[in-house]
Amino acid sequence: GLESWLRVEFPNPAPHPRPYALGPVVYV
């Protein structure tokens, strides 16, 4: 097969600027 997944986080309180660690990241 072929599989893809995305992960993105929305913390509260939100940091500024938004770091890489919060995504979105996509893997295939």
Full PDB file with SEQRES, HELIX, SHEET, SSBOND, CRYST1, ORIGX, SCALE, CONECT and MASTER records, all heavy atoms in Angstrom:
SEQRES   1 A   28  GLY LEU GLU SER TRP LEU ARG VAL GLU PHE PRO ASN PRO          
SEQRES   2 A   28  ALA PRO HIS PRO ARG PRO TYR ALA LEU GLY PRO VAL VAL          
SEQRES   3 A   28  TYR VAL                                                      
HELIX    1 AA1 TYR A   20  LEU A   22  5                                   3    
SHEET    1 AA1 2 TRP A   5  ARG A   7  0                                        
SHEET    2 AA1 2 VAL A  25  TYR A  27 -1                                        
CRYST1    1.000    1.000    1.000  90.00  90.00  90.00 P 1           1          
ORIGX1      1.000000  0.000000  0.000000        0.00000                         
ORIGX2      0.000000  1.000000  0.000000        0.00000                         
ORIGX3      0.000000  0.000000  1.000000        0.00000                         
SCALE1      1.000000  0.000000  0.000000        0.00000                         
SCALE2      0.000000  1.000000  0.000000        0.00000                         
SCALE3      0.000000  0.000000  1.000000        0.00000                         
ATOM      1  N   GLY A   1       0.792  -1.208   0.000  1.00  0.00           N  
ATOM      2  CA  GLY A   1       0.000   0.000   0.000  1.00  0.00           C  
ATOM      3  C   GLY A   1       0.829   1.264   0.000  1.00  0.00           C  
ATOM      4  O   GLY A   1       2.066   1.238  -0.005  1.00  0.00           O  
ATOM      5  N   LEU A   2       0.117   2.383   0.008  1.00  0.00           N  
ATOM      6  CA  LEU A   2       0.707   3.711   0.115  1.00  0.00           C  
ATOM      7  C   LEU A   2      -0.120   4.482   1.129  1.00  0.00           C  
ATOM      8  O   LEU A   2      -1.355   4.545   1.009  1.00  0.00           O  
ATOM      9  CB  LEU A   2       0.693   4.424  -1.236  1.00  0.00           C  
ATOM     10  CG  LEU A   2       1.399   5.785  -1.284  1.00  0.00           C  
ATOM     11  CD1 LEU A   2       2.909   5.608  -1.106  1.00  0.00           C  
ATOM     12  CD2 LEU A   2       1.095   6.498  -2.601  1.00  0.00           C  
ATOM     13  N   GLU A   3       0.544   5.060   2.128  1.00  0.00           N  
ATOM     14  CA  GLU A   3      -0.157   5.713   3.237  1.00  0.00           C  
ATOM     15  C   GLU A   3       0.412   7.101   3.472  1.00  0.00           C  
ATOM     16  O   GLU A   3       1.621   7.322   3.355  1.00  0.00           O  
ATOM     17  CB  GLU A   3      -0.018   4.870   4.505  1.00  0.00           C  
ATOM     18  CG  GLU A   3      -0.798   5.403   5.700  1.00  0.00           C  
ATOM     19  CD  GLU A   3      -0.733   4.478   6.889  1.00  0.00           C  
ATOM     20  OE1 GLU A   3       0.293   3.753   7.029  1.00  0.00           O  
ATOM     21  OE2 GLU A   3      -1.674   4.468   7.694  1.00  0.00           O  
ATOM     22  N   SER A   4      -0.474   8.025   3.812  1.00  0.00           N  
ATOM     23  CA  SER A   4      -0.053   9.388   4.163  1.00  0.00           C  
ATOM     24  C   SER A   4      -0.721   9.792   5.465  1.00  0.00           C  
ATOM     25  O   SER A   4      -1.835   9.364   5.765  1.00  0.00           O  
ATOM     26  CB  SER A   4      -0.430  10.373   3.049  1.00  0.00           C  
ATOM     27  OG  SER A   4      -1.837  10.430   2.879  1.00  0.00           O  
ATOM     28  N   TRP A   5      -0.011  10.622   6.232  1.00  0.00           N  
ATOM     29  CA  TRP A   5      -0.599  11.157   7.466  1.00  0.00           C  
ATOM     30  C   TRP A   5      -0.064  12.553   7.739  1.00  0.00           C  
ATOM     31  O   TRP A   5       1.049  12.899   7.357  1.00  0.00           O  
ATOM     32  CB  TRP A   5      -0.379  10.244   8.661  1.00  0.00           C  
ATOM     33  CG  TRP A   5       1.019   9.781   8.919  1.00  0.00           C  
ATOM     34  CD1 TRP A   5       1.685   8.764   8.304  1.00  0.00           C  
ATOM     35  CD2 TRP A   5       1.935  10.299   9.903  1.00  0.00           C  
ATOM     36  NE1 TRP A   5       2.949   8.610   8.834  1.00  0.00           N  
ATOM     37  CE2 TRP A   5       3.128   9.534   9.807  1.00  0.00           C  
ATOM     38  CE3 TRP A   5       1.856  11.316  10.851  1.00  0.00           C  
ATOM     39  CZ2 TRP A   5       4.236   9.771  10.622  1.00  0.00           C  
ATOM     40  CZ3 TRP A   5       2.958  11.552  11.668  1.00  0.00           C  
ATOM     41  CH2 TRP A   5       4.125  10.784  11.552  1.00  0.00           C  
ATOM     42  N   LEU A   6      -0.912  13.355   8.343  1.00  0.00           N  
ATOM     43  CA  LEU A   6      -0.610  14.753   8.669  1.00  0.00           C  
ATOM     44  C   LEU A   6      -0.768  14.943  10.164  1.00  0.00           C  
ATOM     45  O   LEU A   6      -1.646  14.338  10.784  1.00  0.00           O  
ATOM     46  CB  LEU A   6      -1.552  15.684   7.903  1.00  0.00           C  
ATOM     47  CG  LEU A   6      -1.459  17.192   8.171  1.00  0.00           C  
ATOM     48  CD1 LEU A   6      -1.844  17.962   6.909  1.00  0.00           C  
ATOM     49  CD2 LEU A   6      -2.381  17.638   9.331  1.00  0.00           C  
ATOM     50  N   ARG A   7       0.081  15.792  10.728  1.00  0.00           N  
ATOM     51  CA  ARG A   7      -0.058  16.122  12.153  1.00  0.00           C  
ATOM     52  C   ARG A   7       0.185  17.616  12.342  1.00  0.00           C  
ATOM     53  O   ARG A   7       1.187  18.160  11.865  1.00  0.00           O  
ATOM     54  CB  ARG A   7       0.909  15.315  13.022  1.00  0.00           C  
ATOM     55  CG  ARG A   7       0.646  15.471  14.516  1.00  0.00           C  
ATOM     56  CD  ARG A   7       1.506  14.525  15.340  1.00  0.00           C  
ATOM     57  NE  ARG A   7       1.346  14.741  16.754  1.00  0.00           N  
ATOM     58  CZ  ARG A   7       0.457  14.125  17.531  1.00  0.00           C  
ATOM     59  NH1 ARG A   7      -0.351  13.228  17.000  1.00  0.00           N  
ATOM     60  NH2 ARG A   7       0.391  14.366  18.827  1.00  0.00           N  
ATOM     61  N   VAL A   8      -0.757  18.272  13.027  1.00  0.00           N  
ATOM     62  CA  VAL A   8      -0.638  19.699  13.318  1.00  0.00           C  
ATOM     63  C   VAL A   8      -1.256  19.960  14.689  1.00  0.00           C  
ATOM     64  O   VAL A   8      -2.286  19.386  15.048  1.00  0.00           O  
ATOM     65  CB  VAL A   8      -1.334  20.546  12.217  1.00  0.00           C  
ATOM     66  CG1 VAL A   8      -2.808  20.184  12.074  1.00  0.00           C  
ATOM     67  CG2 VAL A   8      -1.161  22.033  12.485  1.00  0.00           C  
ATOM     68  N   GLU A   9      -0.601  20.805  15.490  1.00  0.00           N  
ATOM     69  CA  GLU A   9      -1.039  21.102  16.851  1.00  0.00           C  
ATOM     70  C   GLU A   9      -1.427  22.572  16.975  1.00  0.00           C  
ATOM     71  O   GLU A   9      -0.776  23.453  16.405  1.00  0.00           O  
ATOM     72  CB  GLU A   9       0.071  20.785  17.852  1.00  0.00           C  
ATOM     73  CG  GLU A   9       0.488  19.319  17.855  1.00  0.00           C  
ATOM     74  CD  GLU A   9       1.493  19.002  18.950  1.00  0.00           C  
ATOM     75  OE1 GLU A   9       1.374  19.622  20.041  1.00  0.00           O  
ATOM     76  OE2 GLU A   9       2.371  18.160  18.728  1.00  0.00           O  
ATOM     77  N   PHE A  10      -2.474  22.821  17.777  1.00  0.00           N  
ATOM     78  CA  PHE A  10      -2.947  24.170  18.057  1.00  0.00           C  
ATOM     79  C   PHE A  10      -2.998  24.338  19.574  1.00  0.00           C  
ATOM     80  O   PHE A  10      -4.026  24.065  20.213  1.00  0.00           O  
ATOM     81  CB  PHE A  10      -4.323  24.401  17.438  1.00  0.00           C  
ATOM     82  CG  PHE A  10      -4.356  24.228  15.946  1.00  0.00           C  
ATOM     83  CD1 PHE A  10      -4.762  23.012  15.394  1.00  0.00           C  
ATOM     84  CD2 PHE A  10      -3.964  25.254  15.101  1.00  0.00           C  
ATOM     85  CE1 PHE A  10      -4.790  22.834  14.024  1.00  0.00           C  
ATOM     86  CE2 PHE A  10      -3.993  25.088  13.718  1.00  0.00           C  
ATOM     87  CZ  PHE A  10      -4.395  23.876  13.181  1.00  0.00           C  
ATOM     88  N   PRO A  11      -1.886  24.765  20.183  1.00  0.00           N  
ATOM     89  CA  PRO A  11      -1.864  24.888  21.646  1.00  0.00           C  
ATOM     90  C   PRO A  11      -2.583  26.141  22.131  1.00  0.00           C  
ATOM     91  O   PRO A  11      -2.735  27.129  21.399  1.00  0.00           O  
ATOM     92  CB  PRO A  11      -0.367  24.967  21.951  1.00  0.00           C  
ATOM     93  CG  PRO A  11       0.245  25.540  20.720  1.00  0.00           C  
ATOM     94  CD  PRO A  11      -0.587  25.059  19.572  1.00  0.00           C  
ATOM     95  N   ASN A  12      -3.019  26.073  23.373  1.00  0.00           N  
ATOM     96  CA  ASN A  12      -3.627  27.215  24.050  1.00  0.00           C  
ATOM     97  C   ASN A  12      -2.981  27.340  25.435  1.00  0.00           C  
ATOM     98  O   ASN A  12      -3.160  26.456  26.265  1.00  0.00           O  
ATOM     99  CB  ASN A  12      -5.136  27.019  24.188  1.00  0.00           C  
ATOM    100  CG  ASN A  12      -5.815  28.207  24.838  1.00  0.00           C  
ATOM    101  OD1 ASN A  12      -5.263  29.299  24.898  1.00  0.00           O  
ATOM    102  ND2 ASN A  12      -7.012  27.974  25.366  1.00  0.00           N  
ATOM    103  N   PRO A  13      -2.181  28.381  25.665  1.00  0.00           N  
ATOM    104  CA  PRO A  13      -1.949  29.551  24.809  1.00  0.00           C  
ATOM    105  C   PRO A  13      -1.042  29.239  23.628  1.00  0.00           C  
ATOM    106  O   PRO A  13      -0.217  28.326  23.691  1.00  0.00           O  
ATOM    107  CB  PRO A  13      -1.282  30.537  25.778  1.00  0.00           C  
ATOM    108  CG  PRO A  13      -0.618  29.677  26.799  1.00  0.00           C  
ATOM    109  CD  PRO A  13      -1.509  28.489  26.977  1.00  0.00           C  
ATOM    110  N   ALA A  14      -1.207  29.998  22.535  1.00  0.00           N  
ATOM    111  CA  ALA A  14      -0.452  29.766  21.309  1.00  0.00           C  
ATOM    112  C   ALA A  14       0.834  30.585  21.312  1.00  0.00           C  
ATOM    113  O   ALA A  14       0.814  31.775  21.640  1.00  0.00           O  
ATOM    114  CB  ALA A  14      -1.298  30.143  20.102  1.00  0.00           C  
ATOM    115  N   PRO A  15       1.963  29.980  20.977  1.00  0.00           N  
ATOM    116  CA  PRO A  15       3.224  30.723  20.922  1.00  0.00           C  
ATOM    117  C   PRO A  15       3.332  31.565  19.648  1.00  0.00           C  
ATOM    118  O   PRO A  15       2.727  31.241  18.627  1.00  0.00           O  
ATOM    119  CB  PRO A  15       4.279  29.610  20.935  1.00  0.00           C  
ATOM    120  CG  PRO A  15       3.598  28.461  20.279  1.00  0.00           C  
ATOM    121  CD  PRO A  15       2.148  28.550  20.670  1.00  0.00           C  
ATOM    122  N   HIS A  16       4.098  32.627  19.744  1.00  0.00           N  
ATOM    123  CA  HIS A  16       4.372  33.482  18.574  1.00  0.00           C  
ATOM    124  C   HIS A  16       5.876  33.754  18.523  1.00  0.00           C  
ATOM    125  O   HIS A  16       6.448  34.187  19.512  1.00  0.00           O  
ATOM    126  CB  HIS A  16       3.598  34.801  18.678  1.00  0.00           C  
ATOM    127  CG  HIS A  16       2.106  34.637  18.698  1.00  0.00           C  
ATOM    128  ND1 HIS A  16       1.361  34.377  17.568  1.00  0.00           N  
ATOM    129  CD2 HIS A  16       1.228  34.685  19.733  1.00  0.00           C  
ATOM    130  CE1 HIS A  16       0.081  34.278  17.904  1.00  0.00           C  
ATOM    131  NE2 HIS A  16      -0.028  34.466  19.214  1.00  0.00           N  
ATOM    132  N   PRO A  17       6.519  33.507  17.394  1.00  0.00           N  
ATOM    133  CA  PRO A  17       5.962  32.905  16.177  1.00  0.00           C  
ATOM    134  C   PRO A  17       5.733  31.416  16.359  1.00  0.00           C  
ATOM    135  O   PRO A  17       6.221  30.807  17.307  1.00  0.00           O  
ATOM    136  CB  PRO A  17       7.056  33.172  15.144  1.00  0.00           C  
ATOM    137  CG  PRO A  17       8.318  33.178  15.951  1.00  0.00           C  
ATOM    138  CD  PRO A  17       7.960  33.826  17.260  1.00  0.00           C  
ATOM    139  N   ARG A  18       5.034  30.829  15.405  1.00  0.00           N  
ATOM    140  CA  ARG A  18       4.700  29.411  15.473  1.00  0.00           C  
ATOM    141  C   ARG A  18       5.922  28.565  15.126  1.00  0.00           C  
ATOM    142  O   ARG A  18       6.490  28.699  14.037  1.00  0.00           O  
ATOM    143  CB  ARG A  18       3.554  29.115  14.511  1.00  0.00           C  
ATOM    144  CG  ARG A  18       3.046  27.694  14.567  1.00  0.00           C  
ATOM    145  CD  ARG A  18       1.898  27.493  13.587  1.00  0.00           C  
ATOM    146  NE  ARG A  18       1.501  26.096  13.555  1.00  0.00           N  
ATOM    147  CZ  ARG A  18       0.638  25.546  14.389  1.00  0.00           C  
ATOM    148  NH1 ARG A  18       0.080  26.283  15.338  1.00  0.00           N  
ATOM    149  NH2 ARG A  18       0.331  24.272  14.301  1.00  0.00           N  
ATOM    150  N   PRO A  19       6.375  27.653  16.013  1.00  0.00           N  
ATOM    151  CA  PRO A  19       7.579  26.867  15.740  1.00  0.00           C  
ATOM    152  C   PRO A  19       7.303  25.665  14.832  1.00  0.00           C  
ATOM    153  O   PRO A  19       6.159  25.221  14.681  1.00  0.00           O  
ATOM    154  CB  PRO A  19       8.017  26.405  17.130  1.00  0.00           C  
ATOM    155  CG  PRO A  19       6.732  26.304  17.896  1.00  0.00           C  
ATOM    156  CD  PRO A  19       5.865  27.421  17.380  1.00  0.00           C  
ATOM    157  N   TYR A  20       8.367  25.128  14.271  1.00  0.00           N  
ATOM    158  CA  TYR A  20       8.283  23.944  13.417  1.00  0.00           C  
ATOM    159  C   TYR A  20       7.634  22.771  14.153  1.00  0.00           C  
ATOM    160  O   TYR A  20       6.891  21.987  13.549  1.00  0.00           O  
ATOM    161  CB  TYR A  20       9.693  23.559  12.958  1.00  0.00           C  
ATOM    162  CG  TYR A  20       9.818  22.144  12.439  1.00  0.00           C  
ATOM    163  CD1 TYR A  20       9.470  21.838  11.127  1.00  0.00           C  
ATOM    164  CD2 TYR A  20      10.271  21.110  13.268  1.00  0.00           C  
ATOM    165  CE1 TYR A  20       9.578  20.533  10.654  1.00  0.00           C  
ATOM    166  CE2 TYR A  20      10.377  19.802  12.795  1.00  0.00           C  
ATOM    167  CZ  TYR A  20      10.025  19.517  11.494  1.00  0.00           C  
ATOM    168  OH  TYR A  20      10.127  18.232  11.031  1.00  0.00           O  
ATOM    169  N   ALA A  21       7.896  22.641  15.446  1.00  0.00           N  
ATOM    170  CA  ALA A  21       7.433  21.487  16.224  1.00  0.00           C  
ATOM    171  C   ALA A  21       5.917  21.349  16.246  1.00  0.00           C  
ATOM    172  O   ALA A  21       5.395  20.260  16.518  1.00  0.00           O  
ATOM    173  CB  ALA A  21       7.956  21.572  17.645  1.00  0.00           C  
ATOM    174  N   LEU A  22       5.183  22.421  15.951  1.00  0.00           N  
ATOM    175  CA  LEU A  22       3.729  22.362  15.988  1.00  0.00           C  
ATOM    176  C   LEU A  22       3.127  21.932  14.653  1.00  0.00           C  
ATOM    177  O   LEU A  22       1.922  21.727  14.547  1.00  0.00           O  
ATOM    178  CB  LEU A  22       3.146  23.718  16.397  1.00  0.00           C  
ATOM    179  CG  LEU A  22       3.494  24.191  17.812  1.00  0.00           C  
ATOM    180  CD1 LEU A  22       2.865  25.551  18.090  1.00  0.00           C  
ATOM    181  CD2 LEU A  22       3.037  23.172  18.851  1.00  0.00           C  
ATOM    182  N   GLY A  23       3.950  21.813  13.608  1.00  0.00           N  
ATOM    183  CA  GLY A  23       3.464  21.407  12.302  1.00  0.00           C  
ATOM    184  C   GLY A  23       2.782  22.555  11.567  1.00  0.00           C  
ATOM    185  O   GLY A  23       2.883  23.715  11.974  1.00  0.00           O  
ATOM    186  N   PRO A  24       2.098  22.237  10.461  1.00  0.00           N  
ATOM    187  CA  PRO A  24       1.769  20.878  10.014  1.00  0.00           C  
ATOM    188  C   PRO A  24       2.959  20.159   9.376  1.00  0.00           C  
ATOM    189  O   PRO A  24       3.763  20.768   8.680  1.00  0.00           O  
ATOM    190  CB  PRO A  24       0.660  21.109   8.988  1.00  0.00           C  
ATOM    191  CG  PRO A  24       0.934  22.475   8.454  1.00  0.00           C  
ATOM    192  CD  PRO A  24       1.496  23.262   9.604  1.00  0.00           C  
ATOM    193  N   VAL A  25       3.028  18.860   9.644  1.00  0.00           N  
ATOM    194  CA  VAL A  25       3.991  17.997   8.962  1.00  0.00           C  
ATOM    195  C   VAL A  25       3.205  16.903   8.244  1.00  0.00           C  
ATOM    196  O   VAL A  25       2.169  16.444   8.741  1.00  0.00           O  
ATOM    197  CB  VAL A  25       5.003  17.368   9.936  1.00  0.00           C  
ATOM    198  CG1 VAL A  25       5.929  18.439  10.500  1.00  0.00           C  
ATOM    199  CG2 VAL A  25       4.312  16.620  11.058  1.00  0.00           C  
ATOM    200  N   VAL A  26       3.704  16.507   7.082  1.00  0.00           N  
ATOM    201  CA  VAL A  26       3.034  15.496   6.269  1.00  0.00           C  
ATOM    202  C   VAL A  26       4.053  14.425   5.907  1.00  0.00           C  
ATOM    203  O   VAL A  26       5.159  14.727   5.447  1.00  0.00           O  
ATOM    204  CB  VAL A  26       2.439  16.107   4.983  1.00  0.00           C  
ATOM    205  CG1 VAL A  26       1.747  15.020   4.155  1.00  0.00           C  
ATOM    206  CG2 VAL A  26       1.466  17.224   5.311  1.00  0.00           C  
ATOM    207  N   TYR A  27       3.667  13.162   6.107  1.00  0.00           N  
ATOM    208  CA  TYR A  27       4.506  12.020   5.768  1.00  0.00           C  
ATOM    209  C   TYR A  27       3.772  11.140   4.760  1.00  0.00           C  
ATOM    210  O   TYR A  27       2.549  10.957   4.847  1.00  0.00           O  
ATOM    211  CB  TYR A  27       4.807  11.174   7.004  1.00  0.00           C  
ATOM    212  CG  TYR A  27       5.806  11.785   7.966  1.00  0.00           C  
ATOM    213  CD1 TYR A  27       5.399  12.661   8.953  1.00  0.00           C  
ATOM    214  CD2 TYR A  27       7.154  11.459   7.886  1.00  0.00           C  
ATOM    215  CE1 TYR A  27       6.310  13.214   9.850  1.00  0.00           C  
ATOM    216  CE2 TYR A  27       8.076  11.991   8.772  1.00  0.00           C  
ATOM    217  CZ  TYR A  27       7.643  12.871   9.747  1.00  0.00           C  
ATOM    218  OH  TYR A  27       8.559  13.409  10.627  1.00  0.00           O  
ATOM    219  N   VAL A  28       4.531  10.575   3.814  1.00  0.00           N  
ATOM    220  CA  VAL A  28       3.987   9.660   2.809  1.00  0.00           C  
ATOM    221  C   VAL A  28       4.983   8.525   2.615  1.00  0.00           C  
ATOM    222  O   VAL A  28       6.197   8.756   2.567  1.00  0.00           O  
ATOM    223  CB  VAL A  28       3.737  10.364   1.461  1.00  0.00           C  
ATOM    224  CG1 VAL A  28       3.184   9.371   0.430  1.00  0.00           C  
ATOM    225  CG2 VAL A  28       2.792  11.538   1.622  1.00  0.00           C  
TER     226      VAL A  28                                                      
MASTER        0    0    0    1    2    0    0    6  225    1    0    3          
END                                                                             
